[in-house]
Amino acid sequence: MSIKENALSIFALGGLNEIGKNMYAVQQANDILIIDCGNKFPDESLPGIDLIIPDITYLLDNKDKIRALIVTHGHEDHIGGIPFFLKKLNVPVYATRFTLGLIELKLREHKILRETELIEIDSNSDLKLGGIGVNFFKVIHSIPDCLGIVFKTSEGNIVHTGDFKIDLTPANNEHGDIHKLAKIGSEGVLLLLSESTNAERPGLTPTEQMVGEHVEEAFMKARRKVILSTFASNINRVQQVVDAAQITNRKLALLGRSMVNVVQVAMERGYLNVPDGMLIEPDQINELSPEKVAILCTGSQGEPLAALARLSTGNFRGVEILPEDTVIFAAGPIPGNERNVTRIVDNLFSLGAKVIYGSGSSSGMHVSGHGYQEDLKLMLTLMKPKYFIPIHGEYRMLHKHRLLAESVGVEQGNTFIIENGDVLDIEHTIARQTRKIPVGNTYVDGIGLGDVGDIVLRDRKQLSEDGMLVVVLTMGKREKKLVSGPDTISRGFVYVRDSEELIKEVNRLITKTINDQQDNQWNVMKQNIRKTVGQYIYQKTKKKPMILPIIIEV
């Protein structure tokens, strides 16, 4: 169902009831403005999939109405889908200076940088995109240059907070626009969309300055090398590591492609101050005394191919973690990554390293970039919205955020917990949610986009669980009789040498099936082989391997 032509409509293509692939849209008449275009990473239920990005079918059907893509900040769950989106819909992209630097890296990698219109904005920018006015305000998060957005529509002001926390003593002294937030609220907010990631956590988010103090203390106590892993995009944390290395007279090496790329962008654009001569190449690490070296690397989430994982198993060429080295996890594990992180921690302890890990409160090495309950309540109090949509979170987080909104004055019934694809229509300042647009996930597999669907994933799951059985038959082309074989090959099903009787019986059944068949169509023969062999194997083993008959005509 299409959006009503005369209504002000708000909907999400991603980011609701999930963490990741954020993508929201505001539409009025013939103007669509898109907010963010992120990705999320697959879990073990999606074998072989590299990324998940939003389904943009509705946007493709309405491409002539799209005026802009506005990006709130540079995290992967907000920019990771942009190259794939721009290959389908080449629209202007509005973002801050640092965010544009990260987007440019992606577009250059996808070889579409020259074709893309990138427009730099800041918190003072004032735009008119179609019939919608757009203003911005600065917010504090765990990456530089983050914005919230105000959409000035004929129905009233719509505010999207972006990801934020309230930090009155930020590490970079770039304070959020609290006075501007109060002014926006005093002018009237019809609808607020506010992030919900930490809606379950009471209190205020701790200040980033606390982490800097703990990092400096750990550097001063370390006897040998210091290896610190964090998100490459957390430039404030990177600056704290640089400062600690300078105080303790250490050189700093960067490991991991994303760390190198992001640090380079931050230095070029003036967001990171690194003293001349501090950075060294990885092959120079062993030329210095261990107490004169610090390493900043990726892999804080336990990613198996990231630098820290390879260091923990001794597979990073030319760099080793030795007894008494200090390893610091300066990022909390994202839910779902705990097992991978724990495995790396165990490996590091087995190497004799001193490991500082755990949640931010226990180690002091990490604070969240997302607001706790009191931060969220302050945003709601300043904005005083008539209607409220909690975004960017799983259902329990959205539900908790709704309760917080009602506790500070949002009227019951004026908060909408919606799902991706649900459309909130506002007419004559009255909001209703009664309709949907088509949404879903688009899977990125290698260079393929959207060519892996449910059937392919089902086959991959079957292969990963029960393996496959390949049956090779050589058949006479004229007489349709078995010339040689069957040859049965097992991959991931059983070890043939230990299952000779089973394989013999399978081959006997295949031969009997061929001899008994009246219809000599190859496709019918393959179907009968799959059915007969599959039933027998399940009866004997309770397994369902993929059975793949191959007929060679001679």
Protein backbone atom coordinates (compact mmCIF):
# COMPACT_ATOMS: atom_id res chain seq x y z
CA MET A 1 0.00 0.00 0.00
CA SER A 2 1.36 3.40 -0.91
CA ILE A 3 1.68 6.38 1.39
CA LYS A 4 -1.27 8.77 1.40
CA GLU A 5 -0.48 11.69 -0.86
CA ASN A 6 -1.57 14.46 1.50
CA ALA A 7 -0.41 12.98 4.80
CA LEU A 8 2.82 13.53 6.66
CA SER A 9 4.18 10.01 6.99
CA ILE A 10 7.01 8.51 9.02
CA PHE A 11 8.30 4.97 8.62
CA ALA A 12 11.38 2.82 9.15
CA LEU A 13 13.03 0.41 6.73
CA GLY A 14 15.37 -0.78 9.50
CA GLY A 15 16.32 -0.07 13.12
CA LEU A 16 13.07 -1.01 14.87
CA ASN A 17 12.96 -4.15 17.02
CA GLU A 18 16.61 -4.70 16.12
CA ILE A 19 20.06 -3.27 16.70
CA GLY A 20 21.55 -2.25 13.37
CA LYS A 21 20.74 -1.33 9.75
CA ASN A 22 19.11 1.93 10.78
CA MET A 23 17.07 3.59 8.06
CA TYR A 24 14.13 5.94 8.59
CA ALA A 25 12.15 8.23 6.31
CA VAL A 26 9.92 11.29 6.47
CA GLN A 27 7.52 11.82 3.58
CA GLN A 28 5.19 14.70 2.83
CA ALA A 29 3.35 14.97 -0.49
CA ASN A 30 5.99 14.29 -3.16
CA ASP A 31 9.06 14.68 -0.94
CA ILE A 32 10.89 11.82 0.80
CA LEU A 33 13.87 12.47 3.09
CA ILE A 34 15.85 9.44 4.23
CA ILE A 35 17.70 9.30 7.56
CA ASP A 36 20.75 7.00 7.67
CA CYS A 37 21.40 3.79 5.76
CA GLY A 38 23.20 1.27 7.92
CA ASN A 39 24.00 -2.41 7.97
CA LYS A 40 24.10 -5.11 10.59
CA PHE A 41 26.20 -8.24 10.80
CA PRO A 42 24.73 -11.74 10.47
CA ASP A 43 24.56 -14.37 13.19
CA GLU A 44 25.22 -18.09 12.85
CA SER A 45 21.75 -18.63 11.35
CA LEU A 46 22.88 -16.94 8.11
CA PRO A 47 25.92 -18.94 6.90
CA GLY A 48 28.04 -17.20 4.29
CA ILE A 49 26.26 -13.85 4.53
CA ASP A 50 28.61 -10.87 4.96
CA LEU A 51 26.16 -8.03 5.69
CA ILE A 52 22.47 -7.37 6.09
CA ILE A 53 21.11 -4.08 4.72
CA PRO A 54 17.57 -2.66 4.47
CA ASP A 55 15.19 -3.65 1.71
CA ILE A 56 14.59 -0.46 -0.33
CA THR A 57 11.81 -1.75 -2.59
CA TYR A 58 9.44 1.06 -1.58
CA LEU A 59 12.10 3.70 -2.22
CA LEU A 60 12.89 2.25 -5.65
CA ASP A 61 9.18 2.43 -6.50
CA ASN A 62 9.15 6.11 -5.42
CA LYS A 63 12.64 7.16 -6.51
CA ASP A 64 11.46 10.40 -8.14
CA LYS A 65 10.28 11.67 -4.75
CA ILE A 66 13.56 11.14 -2.86
CA ARG A 67 15.25 14.50 -2.17
CA ALA A 68 18.19 13.48 0.05
CA LEU A 69 19.87 10.98 2.32
CA ILE A 70 20.78 12.69 5.63
CA VAL A 71 23.32 10.88 7.82
CA THR A 72 23.36 11.48 11.59
CA HIS A 73 26.83 10.00 12.25
CA GLY A 74 29.48 7.63 10.95
CA HIS A 75 28.90 4.30 12.70
CA GLU A 76 28.50 1.20 10.53
CA ASP A 77 24.89 0.66 11.58
CA HIS A 78 24.15 4.11 10.11
CA ILE A 79 26.44 4.27 7.03
CA GLY A 80 27.31 0.66 6.18
CA GLY A 81 24.54 0.28 3.59
CA ILE A 82 25.18 3.57 1.77
CA PRO A 83 27.34 2.22 -1.11
CA PHE A 84 24.74 -0.44 -1.95
CA PHE A 85 21.93 2.12 -1.66
CA LEU A 86 23.67 4.65 -3.93
CA LYS A 87 24.24 2.03 -6.62
CA LYS A 88 20.45 1.77 -6.88
CA LEU A 89 19.44 5.36 -6.02
CA ASN A 90 22.02 8.08 -6.65
CA VAL A 91 20.69 10.88 -4.44
CA PRO A 92 22.55 13.72 -2.63
CA VAL A 93 24.10 12.71 0.70
CA TYR A 94 24.22 15.26 3.54
CA ALA A 95 26.60 14.62 6.47
CA THR A 96 29.14 16.30 8.72
CA ARG A 97 32.81 16.64 7.83
CA PHE A 98 34.05 13.56 9.70
CA THR A 99 31.10 11.40 8.67
CA LEU A 100 31.68 12.33 5.02
CA GLY A 101 35.30 11.21 5.39
CA LEU A 102 34.16 7.74 6.47
CA ILE A 103 31.53 7.59 3.73
CA GLU A 104 34.15 8.56 1.14
CA LEU A 105 36.29 5.57 2.20
CA LYS A 106 33.39 3.25 1.43
CA LEU A 107 32.45 4.91 -1.85
CA ARG A 108 36.06 4.84 -3.03
CA GLU A 109 36.24 1.12 -2.22
CA HIS A 110 33.05 0.54 -4.25
CA LYS A 111 34.34 2.82 -7.06
CA ILE A 112 31.35 5.17 -6.99
CA LEU A 113 32.88 8.20 -5.26
CA ARG A 114 33.00 10.33 -8.42
CA GLU A 115 29.32 9.76 -9.22
CA THR A 116 28.06 10.73 -5.76
CA GLU A 117 27.05 14.22 -4.59
CA LEU A 118 28.33 14.66 -1.03
CA ILE A 119 27.28 17.82 0.79
CA GLU A 120 28.87 18.89 4.07
CA ILE A 121 26.62 20.13 6.88
CA ASP A 122 27.02 21.06 10.54
CA SER A 123 24.76 21.86 13.48
CA ASN A 124 24.11 25.37 12.12
CA SER A 125 23.03 24.26 8.63
CA ASP A 126 19.57 25.33 7.46
CA LEU A 127 18.22 23.42 4.45
CA LYS A 128 15.11 23.38 2.32
CA LEU A 129 14.69 19.98 0.68
CA GLY A 130 11.57 19.94 -1.44
CA GLY A 131 8.80 21.31 0.72
CA ILE A 132 10.45 20.33 4.02
CA GLY A 133 12.79 22.56 6.04
CA VAL A 134 15.66 20.82 7.84
CA ASN A 135 17.70 22.08 10.82
CA PHE A 136 20.22 20.30 13.01
CA PHE A 137 21.58 20.16 16.56
CA LYS A 138 24.81 18.72 17.93
CA VAL A 139 24.67 15.61 20.15
CA ILE A 140 27.37 13.69 22.02
CA HIS A 141 28.01 10.06 21.07
CA SER A 142 31.04 7.76 20.84
CA ILE A 143 32.15 9.19 17.49
CA PRO A 144 32.80 12.82 16.46
CA ASP A 145 30.42 15.08 14.56
CA CYS A 146 27.01 13.63 15.50
CA LEU A 147 23.76 15.40 14.71
CA GLY A 148 20.10 15.31 15.60
CA ILE A 149 17.63 16.52 12.97
CA VAL A 150 14.58 18.79 13.01
CA PHE A 151 12.16 18.44 10.08
CA LYS A 152 9.93 21.48 9.67
CA THR A 153 6.75 20.23 8.00
CA SER A 154 3.34 21.78 7.39
CA GLU A 155 1.95 19.63 10.21
CA GLY A 156 4.63 20.60 12.73
CA ASN A 157 8.21 19.82 13.75
CA ILE A 158 9.48 16.24 13.64
CA VAL A 159 12.69 15.59 15.65
CA HIS A 160 15.08 12.66 15.18
CA THR A 161 17.70 12.56 17.95
CA GLY A 162 20.28 10.35 16.28
CA ASP A 163 22.36 8.31 18.75
CA PHE A 164 23.19 10.38 21.82
CA LYS A 165 24.05 10.64 25.47
CA ILE A 166 24.17 13.60 27.82
CA ASP A 167 27.82 14.19 28.76
CA LEU A 168 28.58 17.51 30.42
CA THR A 169 32.33 16.81 30.43
CA PRO A 170 33.03 15.19 27.04
CA ALA A 171 36.56 14.09 26.28
CA ASN A 172 36.95 16.41 23.29
CA ASN A 173 35.24 19.42 24.94
CA GLU A 174 32.66 19.40 22.11
CA HIS A 175 29.49 19.84 24.12
CA GLY A 176 25.99 18.95 22.97
CA ASP A 177 23.51 21.71 22.11
CA ILE A 178 21.40 21.49 25.27
CA HIS A 179 20.30 25.12 24.99
CA LYS A 180 19.28 24.50 21.39
CA LEU A 181 17.34 21.41 22.45
CA ALA A 182 15.39 23.52 24.94
CA LYS A 183 14.69 26.13 22.23
CA ILE A 184 13.43 23.45 19.82
CA GLY A 185 11.16 22.10 22.53
CA SER A 186 9.80 25.56 23.34
CA GLU A 187 8.84 26.03 19.66
CA GLY A 188 6.78 22.84 19.77
CA VAL A 189 7.57 19.26 18.75
CA LEU A 190 4.78 17.29 17.12
CA LEU A 191 6.71 13.99 17.02
CA LEU A 192 9.97 12.83 18.59
CA LEU A 193 11.93 9.81 17.39
CA SER A 194 14.55 8.98 20.04
CA GLU A 195 17.04 6.13 20.34
CA SER A 196 16.39 3.38 22.90
CA THR A 197 19.60 1.31 23.12
CA ASN A 198 20.12 1.82 26.88
CA ALA A 199 16.51 2.38 27.92
CA GLU A 200 16.82 -0.50 30.40
CA ARG A 201 19.79 1.00 32.27
CA PRO A 202 19.01 3.38 35.16
CA GLY A 203 20.89 6.58 35.92
CA LEU A 204 23.07 8.80 33.74
CA THR A 205 25.68 7.59 31.29
CA PRO A 206 29.19 7.93 32.80
CA THR A 207 31.45 10.55 31.26
CA GLU A 208 34.08 9.63 28.69
CA GLN A 209 36.74 11.43 30.77
CA MET A 210 36.63 8.56 33.26
CA VAL A 211 38.01 6.21 30.61
CA GLY A 212 40.96 8.48 29.85
CA GLU A 213 42.05 8.39 33.48
CA HIS A 214 41.92 4.57 33.60
CA VAL A 215 43.77 4.20 30.28
CA GLU A 216 46.56 6.50 31.47
CA GLU A 217 46.83 4.57 34.74
CA ALA A 218 47.08 1.22 32.92
CA PHE A 219 49.79 2.56 30.59
CA MET A 220 51.85 3.79 33.54
CA LYS A 221 51.60 0.44 35.35
CA ALA A 222 52.43 -1.67 32.27
CA ARG A 223 55.90 -3.23 32.32
CA ARG A 224 56.02 -4.30 28.67
CA LYS A 225 53.97 -3.71 25.53
CA VAL A 226 50.45 -2.34 25.82
CA ILE A 227 47.90 -3.64 23.32
CA LEU A 228 44.55 -1.82 23.39
CA SER A 229 41.56 -2.80 21.29
CA THR A 230 38.56 -0.58 20.67
CA PHE A 231 36.17 0.48 17.92
CA ALA A 232 38.14 2.26 15.20
CA SER A 233 35.42 4.91 14.97
CA ASN A 234 35.73 5.92 18.65
CA ILE A 235 38.13 8.77 17.95
CA ASN A 236 37.81 10.15 21.49
CA ARG A 237 39.08 6.81 22.81
CA VAL A 238 41.86 6.77 20.22
CA GLN A 239 42.91 10.26 21.34
CA GLN A 240 43.03 9.03 24.94
CA VAL A 241 45.35 6.21 23.86
CA VAL A 242 47.56 8.68 21.99
CA ASP A 243 47.71 10.93 25.07
CA ALA A 244 48.57 8.00 27.35
CA ALA A 245 51.30 6.85 24.94
CA GLN A 246 52.76 10.35 24.89
CA ILE A 247 52.80 10.61 28.70
CA THR A 248 54.55 7.22 29.02
CA ASN A 249 56.95 7.91 26.13
CA ARG A 250 55.71 5.07 23.92
CA LYS A 251 55.53 4.76 20.15
CA LEU A 252 52.18 3.72 18.74
CA ALA A 253 51.48 1.10 16.04
CA LEU A 254 48.09 0.63 14.36
CA LEU A 255 46.88 -2.85 13.45
CA GLY A 256 43.79 -3.56 11.38
CA ARG A 257 42.68 -1.98 8.11
CA SER A 258 39.69 -0.11 9.56
CA MET A 259 41.82 1.30 12.39
CA VAL A 260 44.44 2.58 9.94
CA ASN A 261 41.82 4.07 7.59
CA VAL A 262 39.72 5.80 10.25
CA VAL A 263 42.74 7.23 12.08
CA GLN A 264 44.03 8.61 8.79
CA VAL A 265 40.68 10.31 8.07
CA ALA A 266 40.53 11.73 11.62
CA MET A 267 44.07 13.12 11.40
CA GLU A 268 43.55 14.62 7.93
CA ARG A 269 40.32 16.34 9.00
CA GLY A 270 41.59 17.64 12.31
CA TYR A 271 39.69 15.37 14.72
CA LEU A 272 42.76 13.56 16.07
CA ASN A 273 46.02 15.08 17.30
CA VAL A 274 48.98 12.70 17.05
CA PRO A 275 52.49 14.04 17.83
CA ASP A 276 55.00 13.88 14.98
CA GLY A 277 57.05 10.70 15.04
CA MET A 278 54.72 8.78 17.40
CA LEU A 279 53.21 6.42 14.82
CA ILE A 280 55.33 3.48 13.72
CA GLU A 281 54.78 0.65 11.25
CA PRO A 282 54.01 -2.85 12.58
CA ASP A 283 57.38 -4.16 11.35
CA GLN A 284 59.12 -1.62 13.62
CA ILE A 285 57.55 -2.97 16.83
CA ASN A 286 60.28 -5.55 17.47
CA GLU A 287 63.02 -2.97 16.91
CA LEU A 288 62.04 -1.13 20.12
CA SER A 289 62.11 -2.13 23.77
CA PRO A 290 58.71 -3.55 24.83
CA GLU A 291 58.18 -0.81 27.41
CA LYS A 292 58.46 1.77 24.61
CA VAL A 293 55.65 0.32 22.46
CA ALA A 294 51.87 0.59 22.42
CA ILE A 295 49.58 -1.09 19.89
CA LEU A 296 46.09 0.10 18.96
CA CYS A 297 44.08 -2.54 17.14
CA THR A 298 40.68 -3.72 16.01
CA GLY A 299 38.92 -6.84 17.29
CA SER A 300 37.32 -5.79 20.59
CA GLN A 301 34.15 -7.70 19.61
CA GLY A 302 35.94 -11.00 19.08
CA GLU A 303 35.82 -10.86 15.27
CA PRO A 304 37.78 -13.97 14.19
CA LEU A 305 39.71 -12.25 11.39
CA ALA A 306 40.43 -8.99 13.22
CA ALA A 307 43.89 -8.06 14.50
CA LEU A 308 43.32 -8.96 18.18
CA ALA A 309 42.00 -12.45 17.40
CA ARG A 310 45.02 -13.15 15.20
CA LEU A 311 47.37 -11.82 17.88
CA SER A 312 45.72 -14.06 20.48
CA THR A 313 46.44 -17.17 18.40
CA GLY A 314 49.94 -16.14 17.29
CA ASN A 315 48.86 -15.66 13.67
CA PHE A 316 49.72 -11.99 13.16
CA ARG A 317 52.89 -11.93 11.09
CA GLY A 318 55.79 -10.22 12.84
CA VAL A 319 53.91 -9.24 16.02
CA GLU A 320 53.64 -11.39 19.15
CA ILE A 321 51.97 -11.09 22.53
CA LEU A 322 54.46 -12.23 25.15
CA PRO A 323 54.22 -12.87 28.92
CA GLU A 324 53.69 -9.69 30.96
CA ASP A 325 52.34 -7.72 27.99
CA THR A 326 49.17 -5.80 28.91
CA VAL A 327 46.07 -6.23 26.76
CA ILE A 328 43.13 -3.85 27.26
CA PHE A 329 39.60 -4.29 25.92
CA ALA A 330 38.37 -0.69 25.70
CA ALA A 331 34.91 -1.54 24.40
CA GLY A 332 32.03 -3.49 25.90
CA PRO A 333 30.89 -6.61 24.01
CA ILE A 334 27.79 -6.07 21.90
CA PRO A 335 25.09 -8.59 22.89
CA GLY A 336 25.78 -11.81 20.98
CA ASN A 337 29.56 -11.31 20.86
CA GLU A 338 30.29 -12.42 24.44
CA ARG A 339 31.35 -15.94 23.51
CA ASN A 340 33.87 -14.79 20.89
CA VAL A 341 35.32 -12.19 23.26
CA THR A 342 35.67 -14.76 26.05
CA ARG A 343 37.52 -17.12 23.73
CA ILE A 344 40.06 -14.42 22.88
CA VAL A 345 40.46 -13.47 26.55
CA ASP A 346 41.24 -17.12 27.36
CA ASN A 347 43.81 -17.26 24.55
CA LEU A 348 45.49 -14.09 25.83
CA PHE A 349 45.73 -15.44 29.38
CA SER A 350 47.27 -18.65 28.01
CA LEU A 351 49.98 -16.50 26.39
CA GLY A 352 50.82 -15.06 29.81
CA ALA A 353 49.42 -11.59 29.12
CA LYS A 354 47.84 -9.33 31.70
CA VAL A 355 44.29 -8.80 30.41
CA ILE A 356 41.97 -5.95 31.41
CA TYR A 357 38.47 -6.75 30.21
CA GLY A 358 34.82 -6.74 31.22
CA SER A 359 32.01 -4.20 31.19
CA GLY A 360 32.80 -0.53 31.51
CA SER A 361 31.81 -0.38 35.15
CA SER A 362 34.11 -3.27 36.12
CA SER A 363 37.21 -2.36 34.11
CA GLY A 364 36.82 1.42 33.76
CA MET A 365 37.97 1.11 30.14
CA HIS A 366 34.67 1.78 28.43
CA VAL A 367 31.55 3.89 28.78
CA SER A 368 28.58 3.68 26.49
CA GLY A 369 27.85 6.26 23.83
CA HIS A 370 24.12 5.70 24.28
CA GLY A 371 22.05 7.49 26.89
CA TYR A 372 20.82 5.74 30.03
CA GLN A 373 17.32 6.31 31.39
CA GLU A 374 18.00 9.75 32.87
CA ASP A 375 19.57 10.93 29.58
CA LEU A 376 16.51 9.74 27.68
CA LYS A 377 14.14 11.39 30.16
CA LEU A 378 16.03 14.67 29.87
CA MET A 379 15.69 14.59 26.08
CA LEU A 380 11.96 13.91 26.39
CA THR A 381 11.55 16.70 28.96
CA LEU A 382 13.38 19.24 26.79
CA MET A 383 11.46 18.28 23.64
CA LYS A 384 7.98 17.94 25.20
CA PRO A 385 6.61 16.06 22.15
CA LYS A 386 2.94 15.47 21.50
CA TYR A 387 3.72 12.08 19.92
CA PHE A 388 6.67 9.77 20.48
CA ILE A 389 8.25 6.84 18.59
CA PRO A 390 11.08 4.98 20.37
CA ILE A 391 13.62 3.79 17.76
CA HIS A 392 16.97 2.01 17.51
CA GLY A 393 16.41 -0.95 19.80
CA GLU A 394 14.88 -4.34 20.37
CA TYR A 395 11.26 -4.58 21.50
CA ARG A 396 11.94 -4.65 25.26
CA MET A 397 14.05 -1.47 24.90
CA LEU A 398 11.33 0.28 22.91
CA HIS A 399 8.74 -0.77 25.49
CA LYS A 400 10.87 0.53 28.37
CA HIS A 401 11.42 3.82 26.54
CA ARG A 402 7.67 4.20 26.09
CA LEU A 403 7.21 3.86 29.87
CA LEU A 404 9.92 6.48 30.43
CA ALA A 405 8.13 8.85 28.02
CA GLU A 406 4.83 8.44 29.84
CA SER A 407 6.57 9.00 33.19
CA VAL A 408 7.70 12.48 32.08
CA GLY A 409 4.42 13.61 30.58
CA VAL A 410 3.83 12.10 27.15
CA GLU A 411 0.15 11.22 27.09
CA GLN A 412 -0.78 7.54 27.13
CA GLY A 413 -1.82 6.47 23.66
CA ASN A 414 0.48 9.02 22.03
CA THR A 415 3.48 6.68 21.98
CA PHE A 416 3.77 4.30 19.04
CA ILE A 417 5.88 1.15 19.20
CA ILE A 418 6.01 0.30 15.51
CA GLU A 419 7.90 -2.23 13.44
CA ASN A 420 9.90 -1.83 10.26
CA GLY A 421 7.41 -1.07 7.49
CA ASP A 422 4.67 0.31 9.74
CA VAL A 423 3.58 3.78 8.57
CA LEU A 424 2.61 6.54 11.00
CA ASP A 425 0.38 9.02 9.16
CA ILE A 426 -0.22 12.49 10.60
CA GLU A 427 -3.14 14.56 9.25
CA HIS A 428 -4.36 17.74 10.92
CA THR A 429 -1.84 16.99 13.73
CA ILE A 430 -3.59 13.68 14.50
CA ALA A 431 -1.33 10.59 14.28
CA ARG A 432 -2.55 7.13 13.27
CA GLN A 433 -0.78 3.88 12.44
CA THR A 434 -2.95 1.68 10.22
CA ARG A 435 -0.84 0.82 7.16
CA LYS A 436 2.40 -0.86 6.08
CA ILE A 437 4.90 -0.74 3.24
CA PRO A 438 6.98 -3.75 2.06
CA VAL A 439 10.22 -4.19 4.04
CA GLY A 440 12.69 -6.94 4.82
CA ASN A 441 16.36 -7.82 4.77
CA THR A 442 18.68 -7.69 1.80
CA TYR A 443 21.69 -9.99 2.13
CA VAL A 444 25.17 -9.09 0.88
CA ASP A 445 27.20 -12.18 -0.03
CA GLY A 446 30.62 -11.39 -1.50
CA ILE A 447 29.90 -9.10 -4.44
CA GLY A 448 26.34 -10.37 -4.72
CA LEU A 449 23.51 -8.17 -3.49
CA GLY A 450 20.12 -9.70 -2.87
CA ASP A 451 20.88 -12.87 -4.85
CA VAL A 452 20.84 -15.05 -1.73
CA GLY A 453 17.31 -15.82 -0.60
CA ASP A 454 15.56 -18.22 1.73
CA ILE A 455 16.07 -21.27 -0.51
CA VAL A 456 19.85 -20.76 -0.75
CA LEU A 457 20.10 -20.16 3.00
CA ARG A 458 18.03 -23.29 3.67
CA ASP A 459 20.46 -25.33 1.54
CA ARG A 460 23.45 -23.81 3.35
CA LYS A 461 21.95 -24.69 6.74
CA GLN A 462 21.27 -28.26 5.62
CA LEU A 463 24.85 -28.61 4.37
CA SER A 464 26.25 -27.20 7.61
CA GLU A 465 24.11 -29.49 9.78
CA ASP A 466 24.09 -32.88 7.97
CA GLY A 467 26.51 -32.53 5.07
CA MET A 468 25.95 -33.89 1.57
CA LEU A 469 26.01 -37.14 -0.36
CA VAL A 470 27.03 -36.95 -4.03
CA VAL A 471 25.92 -39.87 -6.20
CA VAL A 472 27.74 -40.16 -9.55
CA LEU A 473 26.09 -42.40 -12.19
CA THR A 474 27.39 -43.21 -15.66
CA MET A 475 24.42 -44.00 -17.90
CA GLY A 476 24.18 -45.22 -21.49
CA LYS A 477 22.69 -42.48 -23.66
CA ARG A 478 20.71 -44.83 -25.93
CA GLU A 479 19.74 -47.77 -23.77
CA LYS A 480 19.28 -45.66 -20.58
CA LYS A 481 21.07 -48.35 -18.56
CA LEU A 482 23.67 -48.04 -15.80
CA VAL A 483 27.14 -48.39 -17.35
CA SER A 484 29.24 -47.90 -14.19
CA GLY A 485 28.77 -46.84 -10.61
CA PRO A 486 27.10 -45.68 -8.59
CA ASP A 487 29.99 -43.89 -6.92
CA THR A 488 28.87 -42.31 -3.66
CA ILE A 489 30.91 -39.46 -2.15
CA SER A 490 30.29 -38.19 1.37
CA ARG A 491 31.17 -34.65 2.44
CA GLY A 492 30.30 -33.67 6.01
CA PHE A 493 27.88 -36.63 6.36
CA VAL A 494 29.83 -39.75 7.37
CA TYR A 495 33.44 -40.91 7.12
CA VAL A 496 33.24 -43.47 4.31
CA ARG A 497 35.87 -45.89 5.70
CA ASP A 498 33.91 -46.18 8.95
CA SER A 499 30.55 -46.56 7.18
CA GLU A 500 31.25 -49.06 4.39
CA GLU A 501 28.11 -51.13 5.05
CA LEU A 502 25.90 -48.03 4.95
CA ILE A 503 27.42 -46.86 1.65
CA LYS A 504 27.12 -50.36 0.14
CA GLU A 505 23.43 -50.47 0.99
CA VAL A 506 22.94 -46.95 -0.41
CA ASN A 507 24.58 -48.03 -3.68
CA ARG A 508 22.41 -51.18 -3.80
CA LEU A 509 19.26 -49.08 -3.31
CA ILE A 510 20.33 -46.66 -6.05
CA THR A 511 20.93 -49.55 -8.50
CA LYS A 512 17.57 -51.12 -7.66
CA THR A 513 15.80 -47.74 -8.07
CA ILE A 514 17.31 -47.31 -11.54
CA ASN A 515 16.50 -50.86 -12.65
CA ASP A 516 12.91 -50.63 -11.38
CA GLN A 517 12.22 -47.29 -13.02
CA GLN A 518 9.80 -47.33 -15.95
CA ASP A 519 10.22 -43.65 -16.88
CA ASN A 520 13.71 -42.98 -18.27
CA GLN A 521 13.58 -39.22 -17.78
CA TRP A 522 16.77 -38.15 -15.99
CA ASN A 523 14.95 -35.65 -13.71
CA VAL A 524 12.46 -38.32 -12.59
CA MET A 525 15.34 -40.71 -11.91
CA LYS A 526 17.12 -38.12 -9.78
CA GLN A 527 13.96 -37.43 -7.77
CA ASN A 528 13.44 -41.14 -7.09
CA ILE A 529 17.05 -41.58 -6.00
CA ARG A 530 16.76 -38.64 -3.60
CA LYS A 531 13.54 -40.02 -2.11
CA THR A 532 14.69 -43.64 -1.73
CA VAL A 533 18.17 -42.84 -0.40
CA GLY A 534 16.91 -40.04 1.84
CA GLN A 535 14.32 -42.29 3.52
CA TYR A 536 16.86 -45.05 4.10
CA ILE A 537 19.54 -42.72 5.49
CA TYR A 538 17.10 -41.03 7.87
CA GLN A 539 15.88 -44.45 9.08
CA LYS A 540 19.44 -45.57 9.80
CA THR A 541 21.10 -42.33 11.01
CA LYS A 542 18.32 -39.80 11.77
CA LYS A 543 20.23 -37.39 9.51
CA LYS A 544 19.05 -35.52 6.42
CA PRO A 545 22.10 -34.83 4.24
CA MET A 546 21.67 -33.07 0.92
CA ILE A 547 21.59 -35.78 -1.75
CA LEU A 548 22.97 -34.67 -5.10
CA PRO A 549 22.68 -37.21 -7.97
CA ILE A 550 24.94 -36.50 -10.98
CA ILE A 551 24.26 -38.41 -14.22
CA ILE A 552 27.00 -38.65 -16.86
CA GLU A 553 25.84 -39.77 -20.29
CA VAL A 554 28.12 -41.92 -22.45
